[in-house]
Amino acid sequence: MILDFEPGDKVVNPANKSWGIGQVQSIINGKVTVNFENVGKKVININNIELKKINNE
């Protein structure tokens, strides 16, 4: 699987919109570490949880 995320990207978790907007911190072996505004840092297994990149421009 090719991940379309880079550190600094803004993302949301559609299944948990209450987490708010997150910023990708790192991507290692299919796991994306994201710092969400409402719940803090989460390590997401991209095979199990979908993240959507957003443009915050």
N, C-alpha and C. Protein backbone atom coordinates (compact mmCIF):
# COMPACT_ATOMS: atom_id res chain seq x y z
N MET A 1 0.85 -1.19 0.00
CA MET A 1 0.00 0.00 0.00
C MET A 1 0.89 1.25 0.00
N ILE A 2 0.58 2.18 -0.84
CA ILE A 2 1.32 3.45 -0.90
C ILE A 2 0.54 4.47 -0.08
N LEU A 3 1.21 5.04 0.89
CA LEU A 3 0.57 6.04 1.74
C LEU A 3 0.76 7.41 1.13
N ASP A 4 -0.32 8.14 1.08
CA ASP A 4 -0.29 9.47 0.47
C ASP A 4 -0.24 10.54 1.56
N PHE A 5 0.56 10.30 2.59
CA PHE A 5 0.69 11.24 3.69
C PHE A 5 2.15 11.61 3.87
N GLU A 6 2.38 12.83 4.30
CA GLU A 6 3.71 13.30 4.66
C GLU A 6 3.60 14.05 5.98
N PRO A 7 4.67 14.07 6.76
CA PRO A 7 4.63 14.86 8.00
C PRO A 7 4.21 16.30 7.70
N GLY A 8 3.31 16.80 8.53
CA GLY A 8 2.78 18.15 8.34
C GLY A 8 1.42 18.19 7.68
N ASP A 9 1.04 17.08 7.00
CA ASP A 9 -0.29 17.04 6.37
C ASP A 9 -1.38 17.13 7.43
N LYS A 10 -2.47 17.80 7.07
CA LYS A 10 -3.65 17.87 7.94
C LYS A 10 -4.61 16.77 7.52
N VAL A 11 -5.15 16.05 8.52
CA VAL A 11 -6.04 14.92 8.24
C VAL A 11 -7.21 14.92 9.23
N VAL A 12 -8.25 14.16 8.86
CA VAL A 12 -9.35 13.87 9.78
C VAL A 12 -9.61 12.38 9.72
N ASN A 13 -10.19 11.86 10.79
CA ASN A 13 -10.64 10.48 10.84
C ASN A 13 -12.16 10.51 10.68
N PRO A 14 -12.67 10.13 9.50
CA PRO A 14 -14.12 10.23 9.26
C PRO A 14 -14.96 9.44 10.26
N ALA A 15 -14.40 8.37 10.82
CA ALA A 15 -15.16 7.56 11.78
C ALA A 15 -15.18 8.20 13.17
N ASN A 16 -14.29 9.15 13.42
CA ASN A 16 -14.21 9.83 14.72
C ASN A 16 -14.02 11.32 14.50
N LYS A 17 -15.03 11.95 13.93
CA LYS A 17 -14.91 13.38 13.62
C LYS A 17 -14.71 14.23 14.86
N SER A 18 -15.11 13.73 16.02
CA SER A 18 -14.94 14.48 17.26
C SER A 18 -13.47 14.65 17.64
N TRP A 19 -12.57 13.85 17.03
CA TRP A 19 -11.14 14.01 17.29
C TRP A 19 -10.64 15.34 16.76
N GLY A 20 -11.34 15.89 15.79
CA GLY A 20 -10.93 17.17 15.20
C GLY A 20 -9.88 16.97 14.12
N ILE A 21 -9.24 18.06 13.75
CA ILE A 21 -8.21 18.04 12.71
C ILE A 21 -6.91 17.58 13.34
N GLY A 22 -6.22 16.70 12.62
CA GLY A 22 -4.94 16.21 13.10
C GLY A 22 -3.82 16.58 12.15
N GLN A 23 -2.61 16.62 12.68
CA GLN A 23 -1.43 16.87 11.86
C GLN A 23 -0.54 15.64 11.93
N VAL A 24 -0.19 15.12 10.73
CA VAL A 24 0.67 13.95 10.65
C VAL A 24 2.04 14.30 11.21
N GLN A 25 2.53 13.44 12.14
CA GLN A 25 3.84 13.63 12.73
C GLN A 25 4.88 12.73 12.07
N SER A 26 4.51 11.45 11.85
CA SER A 26 5.45 10.51 11.23
C SER A 26 4.69 9.36 10.61
N ILE A 27 5.36 8.65 9.70
CA ILE A 27 4.81 7.47 9.04
C ILE A 27 5.90 6.40 9.09
N ILE A 28 5.63 5.30 9.80
CA ILE A 28 6.61 4.21 9.93
C ILE A 28 5.88 2.88 9.80
N ASN A 29 6.27 2.08 8.81
CA ASN A 29 5.75 0.72 8.63
C ASN A 29 4.22 0.65 8.65
N GLY A 30 3.56 1.54 7.90
CA GLY A 30 2.11 1.50 7.80
C GLY A 30 1.38 2.11 8.98
N LYS A 31 2.12 2.67 9.92
CA LYS A 31 1.50 3.34 11.06
C LYS A 31 1.77 4.84 10.96
N VAL A 32 0.71 5.60 11.09
CA VAL A 32 0.79 7.05 10.97
C VAL A 32 0.54 7.65 12.35
N THR A 33 1.49 8.42 12.86
CA THR A 33 1.31 9.12 14.13
C THR A 33 0.74 10.49 13.82
N VAL A 34 -0.42 10.76 14.44
CA VAL A 34 -1.14 12.00 14.18
C VAL A 34 -1.44 12.70 15.51
N ASN A 35 -1.22 13.99 15.56
CA ASN A 35 -1.56 14.78 16.74
C ASN A 35 -2.89 15.49 16.45
N PHE A 36 -3.97 14.98 17.08
CA PHE A 36 -5.31 15.54 16.87
C PHE A 36 -5.60 16.65 17.87
N GLU A 37 -6.35 17.67 17.43
CA GLU A 37 -6.61 18.83 18.28
C GLU A 37 -7.42 18.51 19.53
N ASN A 38 -8.31 17.51 19.47
CA ASN A 38 -9.19 17.23 20.61
C ASN A 38 -8.79 16.03 21.46
N VAL A 39 -7.96 15.12 20.91
CA VAL A 39 -7.62 13.90 21.67
C VAL A 39 -6.13 13.66 21.77
N GLY A 40 -5.33 14.55 21.22
CA GLY A 40 -3.88 14.40 21.33
C GLY A 40 -3.32 13.42 20.31
N LYS A 41 -2.20 12.82 20.67
CA LYS A 41 -1.46 11.98 19.74
C LYS A 41 -2.06 10.58 19.65
N LYS A 42 -2.26 10.11 18.42
CA LYS A 42 -2.77 8.76 18.15
C LYS A 42 -1.86 8.11 17.12
N VAL A 43 -1.59 6.81 17.31
CA VAL A 43 -0.87 6.04 16.31
C VAL A 43 -1.91 5.23 15.56
N ILE A 44 -2.04 5.50 14.26
CA ILE A 44 -3.10 4.92 13.43
C ILE A 44 -2.51 3.85 12.53
N ASN A 45 -3.07 2.63 12.60
CA ASN A 45 -2.71 1.59 11.63
C ASN A 45 -3.56 1.86 10.39
N ILE A 46 -2.90 2.29 9.32
CA ILE A 46 -3.61 2.73 8.13
C ILE A 46 -4.37 1.60 7.44
N ASN A 47 -4.05 0.34 7.80
CA ASN A 47 -4.78 -0.80 7.25
C ASN A 47 -6.13 -0.97 7.94
N ASN A 48 -6.30 -0.41 9.13
CA ASN A 48 -7.53 -0.58 9.90
C ASN A 48 -8.38 0.68 10.00
N ILE A 49 -7.76 1.83 9.90
CA ILE A 49 -8.47 3.10 10.08
C ILE A 49 -8.18 4.01 8.90
N GLU A 50 -9.24 4.54 8.33
CA GLU A 50 -9.09 5.44 7.19
C GLU A 50 -8.88 6.87 7.65
N LEU A 51 -7.88 7.50 7.07
CA LEU A 51 -7.67 8.94 7.30
C LEU A 51 -7.92 9.67 5.99
N LYS A 52 -8.47 10.85 6.07
CA LYS A 52 -8.68 11.69 4.88
C LYS A 52 -7.82 12.93 5.02
N LYS A 53 -7.05 13.19 3.98
CA LYS A 53 -6.22 14.40 3.96
C LYS A 53 -7.13 15.58 3.63
N ILE A 54 -6.88 16.69 4.28
CA ILE A 54 -7.66 17.90 4.01
C ILE A 54 -6.72 19.01 3.61
N ASN A 55 -7.25 19.94 2.86
CA ASN A 55 -6.50 21.14 2.47
C ASN A 55 -6.95 22.25 3.40
N ASN A 56 -6.04 22.74 4.19
CA ASN A 56 -6.37 23.79 5.15
C ASN A 56 -5.74 25.09 4.69
N GLU A 57 -5.90 25.40 3.43
CA GLU A 57 -5.25 26.56 2.84
C GLU A 57 -6.23 27.71 2.76
